[in-house]
C-alpha atoms as a PDB file:
ATOM      1  CA  MET A   1      17.937 -74.412 -78.867  1.00  0.00           C
ATOM      2  CA  TYR A   2      21.526 -75.083 -77.779  1.00  0.00           C
ATOM      3  CA  THR A   3      23.890 -73.078 -79.874  1.00  0.00           C
ATOM      4  CA  LYS A   4      27.596 -72.509 -78.662  1.00  0.00           C
ATOM      5  CA  PHE A   5      29.642 -69.747 -79.276  1.00  0.00           C
ATOM      6  CA  ASP A   6      33.189 -69.443 -79.268  1.00  0.00           C
ATOM      7  CA  LYS A   7      33.292 -65.542 -78.405  1.00  0.00           C
ATOM      8  CA  ARG A   8      34.778 -63.310 -75.621  1.00  0.00           C
ATOM      9  CA  LEU A   9      32.306 -60.639 -74.525  1.00  0.00           C
ATOM     10  CA  LEU A  10      32.556 -57.596 -72.269  1.00  0.00           C
ATOM     11  CA  ILE A  11      28.921 -56.874 -71.120  1.00  0.00           C
ATOM     12  CA  THR A  12      27.332 -54.645 -68.698  1.00  0.00           C
ATOM     13  CA  TYR A  13      24.730 -56.774 -66.652  1.00  0.00           C
ATOM     14  CA  GLN A  14      22.031 -55.675 -64.384  1.00  0.00           C
ATOM     15  CA  ASP A  15      21.482 -58.017 -61.466  1.00  0.00           C
ATOM     16  CA  SER A  16      18.217 -58.707 -59.433  1.00  0.00           C
ATOM     17  CA  PHE A  17      19.193 -55.904 -57.251  1.00  0.00           C
ATOM     18  CA  GLY A  18      19.350 -53.471 -60.302  1.00  0.00           C
ATOM     19  CA  GLU A  19      23.062 -53.032 -59.861  1.00  0.00           C
ATOM     20  CA  ALA A  20      24.883 -53.039 -63.331  1.00  0.00           C
ATOM     21  CA  THR A  21      28.478 -54.674 -63.247  1.00  0.00           C
ATOM     22  CA  GLN A  22      30.902 -55.124 -66.259  1.00  0.00           C
ATOM     23  CA  ARG A  23      31.745 -58.792 -66.696  1.00  0.00           C
ATOM     24  CA  GLU A  24      33.796 -60.710 -69.179  1.00  0.00           C
ATOM     25  CA  VAL A  25      32.231 -63.500 -70.625  1.00  0.00           C
ATOM     26  CA  SER A  26      33.200 -66.679 -72.805  1.00  0.00           C
ATOM     27  CA  GLN A  27      31.974 -69.982 -73.894  1.00  0.00           C
ATOM     28  CA  LEU A  28      28.421 -68.794 -74.525  1.00  0.00           C
ATOM     29  CA  ILE A  29      25.745 -71.356 -74.715  1.00  0.00           C
ATOM     30  CA  VAL A  30      22.302 -70.070 -75.790  1.00  0.00           C
ATOM     31  CA  ARG A  31      19.800 -71.914 -73.699  1.00  0.00           C
ATOM     32  CA  SER A  32      16.639 -70.100 -75.052  1.00  0.00           C
ATOM     33  CA  ARG A  33      15.519 -66.914 -76.665  1.00  0.00           C
ATOM     34  CA  TYR A  34      15.465 -65.542 -73.047  1.00  0.00           C
ATOM     35  CA  MET A  35      18.941 -66.719 -71.542  1.00  0.00           C
ATOM     36  CA  PHE A  36      22.572 -68.152 -72.152  1.00  0.00           C
ATOM     37  CA  THR A  37      25.253 -69.544 -69.813  1.00  0.00           C
ATOM     38  CA  ALA A  38      28.719 -68.587 -70.214  1.00  0.00           C
ATOM     39  CA  TYR A  39      31.871 -68.514 -68.224  1.00  0.00           C
ATOM     40  CA  CYS A  40      32.094 -65.412 -66.147  1.00  0.00           C
ATOM     41  CA  HIS A  41      35.717 -64.314 -65.743  1.00  0.00           C
ATOM     42  CA  LEU A  42      34.556 -62.025 -62.745  1.00  0.00           C
ATOM     43  CA  ARG A  43      33.087 -65.280 -60.859  1.00  0.00           C
ATOM     44  CA  ALA A  44      35.770 -67.723 -62.429  1.00  0.00           C
ATOM     45  CA  ALA A  45      32.357 -69.871 -62.965  1.00  0.00           C
ATOM     46  CA  GLU A  46      29.745 -70.695 -65.331  1.00  0.00           C
ATOM     47  CA  ARG A  47      26.874 -68.435 -64.930  1.00  0.00           C
ATOM     48  CA  GLY A  48      23.211 -68.026 -66.304  1.00  0.00           C
ATOM     49  CA  PHE A  49      22.475 -64.432 -68.031  1.00  0.00           C
ATOM     50  CA  ALA A  50      19.179 -62.949 -69.280  1.00  0.00           C
ATOM     51  CA  PHE A  51      19.388 -61.233 -72.568  1.00  0.00           C
ATOM     52  CA  ASP A  52      17.056 -58.498 -71.141  1.00  0.00           C
ATOM     53  CA  ARG A  53      19.384 -57.651 -68.265  1.00  0.00           C
ATOM     54  CA  ILE A  54      22.350 -56.836 -70.739  1.00  0.00           C
ATOM     55  CA  GLU A  55      22.627 -53.068 -70.929  1.00  0.00           C
ATOM     56  CA  SER A  56      25.476 -53.267 -73.254  1.00  0.00           C
ATOM     57  CA  ALA A  57      27.919 -55.545 -74.892  1.00  0.00           C
ATOM     58  CA  LYS A  58      31.368 -55.410 -76.858  1.00  0.00           C
ATOM     59  CA  ASP A  59      33.209 -58.362 -78.989  1.00  0.00           C
ATOM     60  CA  LEU A  60      36.653 -58.365 -77.311  1.00  0.00           C
ATOM     61  CA  GLU A  61      38.239 -59.876 -80.554  1.00  0.00           C
ATOM     62  CA  THR A  62      36.820 -57.584 -83.032  1.00  0.00           C
ATOM     63  CA  GLU A  63      36.205 -54.550 -80.711  1.00  0.00           C
ATOM     64  CA  GLN A  64      32.929 -54.122 -82.240  1.00  0.00           C
ATOM     65  CA  TYR A  65      30.143 -52.637 -79.832  1.00  0.00           C
ATOM     66  CA  ILE A  66      26.776 -54.612 -79.939  1.00  0.00           C
ATOM     67  CA  ASP A  67      23.499 -53.051 -80.095  1.00  0.00           C
ATOM     68  CA  ASP A  68      21.315 -56.032 -79.924  1.00  0.00           C
ATOM     69  CA  LEU A  69      23.116 -59.354 -78.560  1.00  0.00           C
ATOM     70  CA  ARG A  70      20.046 -61.427 -79.555  1.00  0.00           C
ATOM     71  CA  ASN A  71      20.545 -60.058 -83.139  1.00  0.00           C
ATOM     72  CA  TYR A  72      24.245 -60.282 -82.960  1.00  0.00           C
ATOM     73  CA  LEU A  73      24.121 -63.891 -82.145  1.00  0.00           C
ATOM     74  CA  ASP A  74      21.329 -64.672 -84.634  1.00  0.00           C
ATOM     75  CA  ILE A  75      18.775 -65.718 -81.965  1.00  0.00           C
ATOM     76  CA  PRO A  76      15.083 -65.025 -82.653  1.00  0.00           C
ATOM     77  CA  ALA A  77      13.532 -62.523 -80.364  1.00  0.00           C
ATOM     78  CA  PRO A  78      10.818 -64.237 -78.015  1.00  0.00           C
ATOM     79  CA  GLY A  79       7.254 -63.797 -78.703  1.00  0.00           C
ATOM     80  CA  GLU A  80       4.868 -62.673 -76.309  1.00  0.00           C
ATOM     81  CA  PRO A  81       6.042 -64.366 -72.943  1.00  0.00           C
ATOM     82  CA  ARG A  82       4.183 -66.511 -71.010  1.00  0.00           C
ATOM     83  CA  ARG A  83       3.502 -65.331 -67.785  1.00  0.00           C
ATOM     84  CA  MET A  84       5.260 -66.977 -64.489  1.00  0.00           C
ATOM     85  CA  PRO A  85       3.082 -68.445 -62.435  1.00  0.00           C
ATOM     86  CA  VAL A  86       2.149 -66.971 -59.113  1.00  0.00           C
ATOM     87  CA  PHE A  87       1.533 -68.490 -55.987  1.00  0.00           C
ATOM     88  CA  ALA A  88       0.174 -67.666 -52.317  1.00  0.00           C
ATOM     89  CA  GLU A  89       3.516 -68.545 -50.933  1.00  0.00           C
ATOM     90  CA  THR A  90       1.762 -69.175 -47.564  1.00  0.00           C
ATOM     91  CA  PRO A  91       1.197 -72.591 -45.713  1.00  0.00           C
ATOM     92  CA  GLN A  92      -1.428 -74.218 -47.461  1.00  0.00           C
ATOM     93  CA  SER A  93      -3.980 -76.641 -45.537  1.00  0.00           C
ATOM     94  CA  ILE A  94      -3.901 -79.740 -47.549  1.00  0.00           C
ATOM     95  CA  SER A  95      -3.731 -83.374 -46.823  1.00  0.00           C
ATOM     96  CA  GLU A  96      -0.828 -85.762 -48.041  1.00  0.00           C
ATOM     97  CA  GLU A  97      -3.258 -87.553 -50.372  1.00  0.00           C
ATOM     98  CA  GLU A  98      -4.425 -84.240 -51.857  1.00  0.00           C
ATOM     99  CA  ALA A  99      -0.827 -83.150 -52.491  1.00  0.00           C
ATOM    100  CA  LYS A 100      -0.009 -86.431 -54.162  1.00  0.00           C
ATOM    101  CA  SER A 101      -3.178 -86.000 -56.482  1.00  0.00           C
ATOM    102  CA  LEU A 102      -2.092 -82.670 -57.392  1.00  0.00           C
ATOM    103  CA  ARG A 103       1.568 -83.792 -58.181  1.00  0.00           C
ATOM    104  CA  ASN A 104       0.516 -86.647 -60.425  1.00  0.00           C
ATOM    105  CA  GLY A 105      -2.010 -84.305 -62.215  1.00  0.00           C
ATOM    106  CA  ASP A 106       0.514 -81.698 -62.793  1.00  0.00           C
ATOM    107  CA  LYS A 107       3.017 -84.377 -64.291  1.00  0.00           C
ATOM    108  CA  SER A 108       0.302 -85.807 -66.604  1.00  0.00           C
ATOM    109  CA  ARG A 109      -0.301 -82.192 -67.761  1.00  0.00           C
ATOM    110  CA  LEU A 110       3.291 -81.531 -68.245  1.00  0.00           C
ATOM    111  CA  GLU A 111       3.678 -84.196 -70.639  1.00  0.00           C
ATOM    112  CA  ILE A 112       0.041 -84.202 -72.320  1.00  0.00           C
ATOM    113  CA  SER A 113       1.688 -82.598 -75.542  1.00  0.00           C
ATOM    114  CA  PHE A 114       4.435 -85.140 -75.740  1.00  0.00           C
ATOM    115  CA  LYS A 115       2.500 -87.966 -76.598  1.00  0.00           C
ATOM    116  CA  PHE A 116       5.524 -90.132 -77.886  1.00  0.00           C
ATOM    117  CA  VAL A 117       8.013 -91.850 -75.939  1.00  0.00           C
ATOM    118  CA  ARG A 118      10.877 -90.206 -77.894  1.00  0.00           C
ATOM    119  CA  VAL A 119       9.368 -87.016 -77.428  1.00  0.00           C
ATOM    120  CA  LYS A 120       9.093 -87.208 -73.844  1.00  0.00           C
ATOM    121  CA  GLY A 121      12.729 -88.237 -73.595  1.00  0.00           C
ATOM    122  CA  THR A 122      13.756 -85.322 -75.399  1.00  0.00           C
ATOM    123  CA  LEU A 123      11.830 -83.119 -73.240  1.00  0.00           C
ATOM    124  CA  LYS A 124      13.307 -84.413 -70.172  1.00  0.00           C
ATOM    125  CA  LYS A 125      16.826 -84.182 -71.595  1.00  0.00           C
ATOM    126  CA  THR A 126      15.935 -80.631 -72.531  1.00  0.00           C
ATOM    127  CA  LEU A 127      14.744 -79.862 -69.112  1.00  0.00           C
ATOM    128  CA  SER A 128      17.847 -81.261 -67.547  1.00  0.00           C
ATOM    129  CA  GLU A 129      20.263 -79.296 -69.793  1.00  0.00           C
ATOM    130  CA  LEU A 130      18.759 -76.130 -68.682  1.00  0.00           C
ATOM    131  CA  PHE A 131      20.423 -77.063 -65.230  1.00  0.00           C
ATOM    132  CA  ASP A 132      23.535 -78.284 -66.839  1.00  0.00           C
ATOM    133  CA  ASN A 133      22.753 -81.756 -65.890  1.00  0.00           C
ATOM    134  CA  LYS A 134      23.309 -80.495 -62.300  1.00  0.00           C
ATOM    135  CA  CYS A 135      21.519 -80.368 -59.121  1.00  0.00           C
ATOM    136  CA  ALA A 136      20.385 -76.606 -58.795  1.00  0.00           C
ATOM    137  CA  ALA A 137      21.602 -76.609 -55.074  1.00  0.00           C
ATOM    138  CA  CYS A 138      24.943 -78.644 -54.704  1.00  0.00           C
ATOM    139  CA  GLY A 139      25.862 -78.611 -58.445  1.00  0.00           C
ATOM    140  CA  LYS A 140      26.535 -82.189 -58.622  1.00  0.00           C
ATOM    141  CA  THR A 141      26.146 -83.928 -61.834  1.00  0.00           C
ATOM    142  CA  SER A 142      23.516 -86.787 -61.466  1.00  0.00           C
ATOM    143  CA  SER A 143      21.586 -88.872 -63.826  1.00  0.00           C
ATOM    144  CA  GLN A 144      19.076 -89.230 -61.024  1.00  0.00           C
ATOM    145  CA  LEU A 145      17.800 -85.722 -60.839  1.00  0.00           C
ATOM    146  CA  VAL A 146      14.168 -85.112 -59.614  1.00  0.00           C
ATOM    147  CA  LEU A 147      11.573 -82.512 -60.310  1.00  0.00           C
ATOM    148  CA  ASP A 148      11.359 -79.979 -57.506  1.00  0.00           C
ATOM    149  CA  HIS A 149       8.633 -77.461 -56.796  1.00  0.00           C
ATOM    150  CA  HIS A 150      10.779 -74.234 -56.491  1.00  0.00           C
ATOM    151  CA  ILE A 151       7.833 -72.738 -54.621  1.00  0.00           C
ATOM    152  CA  PRO A 152       7.105 -75.799 -52.221  1.00  0.00           C
ATOM    153  CA  GLN A 153       3.624 -77.310 -52.689  1.00  0.00           C
ATOM    154  CA  TYR A 154       3.293 -76.323 -48.834  1.00  0.00           C
ATOM    155  CA  LEU A 155       3.274 -72.932 -49.988  1.00  0.00           C
ATOM    156  CA  GLY A 156       0.958 -73.020 -52.860  1.00  0.00           C
ATOM    157  CA  GLY A 157       3.436 -74.015 -55.531  1.00  0.00           C
ATOM    158  CA  ARG A 158       2.808 -76.215 -58.277  1.00  0.00           C
ATOM    159  CA  LEU A 159       4.768 -78.660 -60.834  1.00  0.00           C
ATOM    160  CA  VAL A 160       4.063 -76.220 -63.705  1.00  0.00           C
ATOM    161  CA  PRO A 161       6.388 -74.646 -66.293  1.00  0.00           C
ATOM    162  CA  GLY A 162       8.215 -71.744 -64.463  1.00  0.00           C
ATOM    163  CA  ASN A 163       8.293 -73.522 -61.042  1.00  0.00           C
ATOM    164  CA  ILE A 164      10.285 -76.891 -61.932  1.00  0.00           C
ATOM    165  CA  SER A 165      13.865 -76.924 -60.701  1.00  0.00           C
ATOM    166  CA  LEU A 166      15.990 -79.975 -60.757  1.00  0.00           C
ATOM    167  CA  LEU A 167      17.555 -81.203 -57.532  1.00  0.00           C
ATOM    168  CA  CYS A 168      19.168 -84.573 -56.464  1.00  0.00           C
ATOM    169  CA  SER A 169      17.454 -86.431 -53.802  1.00  0.00           C
ATOM    170  CA  LYS A 170      19.429 -85.650 -50.794  1.00  0.00           C
ATOM    171  CA  CYS A 171      19.191 -81.571 -51.760  1.00  0.00           C
ATOM    172  CA  ASN A 172      15.513 -82.166 -52.406  1.00  0.00           C
ATOM    173  CA  SER A 173      14.933 -83.813 -48.833  1.00  0.00           C
ATOM    174  CA  ASP A 174      17.147 -81.040 -47.314  1.00  0.00           C
ATOM    175  CA  LYS A 175      14.872 -78.488 -49.178  1.00  0.00           C
ATOM    176  CA  GLY A 176      11.538 -79.703 -48.047  1.00  0.00           C
ATOM    177  CA  ILE A 177       9.037 -77.168 -47.492  1.00  0.00           C
ATOM    178  CA  THR A 178      11.502 -74.289 -47.174  1.00  0.00           C
ATOM    179  CA  HIS A 179      11.096 -71.296 -49.174  1.00  0.00           C
ATOM    180  CA  PRO A 180      13.716 -71.089 -52.111  1.00  0.00           C
ATOM    181  CA  LYS A 181      14.804 -67.514 -50.763  1.00  0.00           C
ATOM    182  CA  TYR A 182      15.884 -69.290 -47.505  1.00  0.00           C
ATOM    183  CA  PHE A 183      17.405 -72.245 -49.083  1.00  0.00           C
ATOM    184  CA  TYR A 184      19.543 -70.866 -52.040  1.00  0.00           C
ATOM    185  CA  SER A 185      22.398 -68.199 -52.068  1.00  0.00           C
ATOM    186  CA  GLN A 186      21.378 -65.070 -54.112  1.00  0.00           C
ATOM    187  CA  GLU A 187      23.514 -66.177 -56.897  1.00  0.00           C
ATOM    188  CA  LYS A 188      21.966 -69.436 -57.138  1.00  0.00           C
ATOM    189  CA  LEU A 189      18.697 -68.004 -56.876  1.00  0.00           C
ATOM    190  CA  GLU A 190      19.422 -65.863 -59.985  1.00  0.00           C
ATOM    191  CA  TYR A 191      20.853 -68.905 -62.069  1.00  0.00           C
ATOM    192  CA  ILE A 192      17.690 -70.886 -61.265  1.00  0.00           C
ATOM    193  CA  GLN A 193      15.519 -67.856 -62.142  1.00  0.00           C
ATOM    194  CA  HIS A 194      16.860 -67.602 -65.701  1.00  0.00           C
ATOM    195  CA  ALA A 195      16.394 -71.477 -66.065  1.00  0.00           C
ATOM    196  CA  LEU A 196      12.719 -71.054 -64.875  1.00  0.00           C
ATOM    197  CA  TYR A 197      11.973 -68.508 -67.716  1.00  0.00           C
ATOM    198  CA  ALA A 198      13.721 -70.472 -70.329  1.00  0.00           C
ATOM    199  CA  GLU A 199      11.298 -73.512 -69.377  1.00  0.00           C
ATOM    200  CA  LEU A 200       8.436 -71.514 -69.974  1.00  0.00           C
ATOM    201  CA  GLU A 201       9.372 -71.564 -73.699  1.00  0.00           C
ATOM    202  CA  LEU A 202      10.512 -75.196 -73.660  1.00  0.00           C
ATOM    203  CA  PHE A 203       6.849 -76.265 -72.453  1.00  0.00           C
ATOM    204  CA  ASP A 204       5.566 -73.963 -75.051  1.00  0.00           C
ATOM    205  CA  ALA A 205       6.185 -76.356 -77.849  1.00  0.00           C
END
């Protein structure tokens, strides 16, 4: 689901700290039933927004107040949401051989429902689009993005929907076993978190 809307909206948006701010947004792209990206005039950059964190919205061209932004954009409401994966987030005692076996098993399970090469290609393309085809850390566009454990495998993270981010090789190496809250800015973390929720829906196909 990648629908573009040429609209200018004024939204009241609640961030991850519970603080609500008014933001003018335009150039909306709906990424899933959970989130969209848009140009945020407050930040002067494209940002990700979760539908559920929007307290109010107004169409600046028609002056119309919007009760339900999903409904206004004709986006289906999500069904019963899949649970985000939960990990220990403490150092794990695991050999490199065991870690490699877990990674390979997780990758196989990711693609088990996508048996045809063409569908696998679409899956990978769509996952990349959730991150705007850019490294989640440095923001550089690359055709060689790698799957990264958002919560590192060393801290119990698995390569499963809700814990997969995309990084360039350098940022993947720099992040290593670092917990994401110590690697990313708060703004980056919010954007990535929206994408992680959206990928739950992607792999629910």
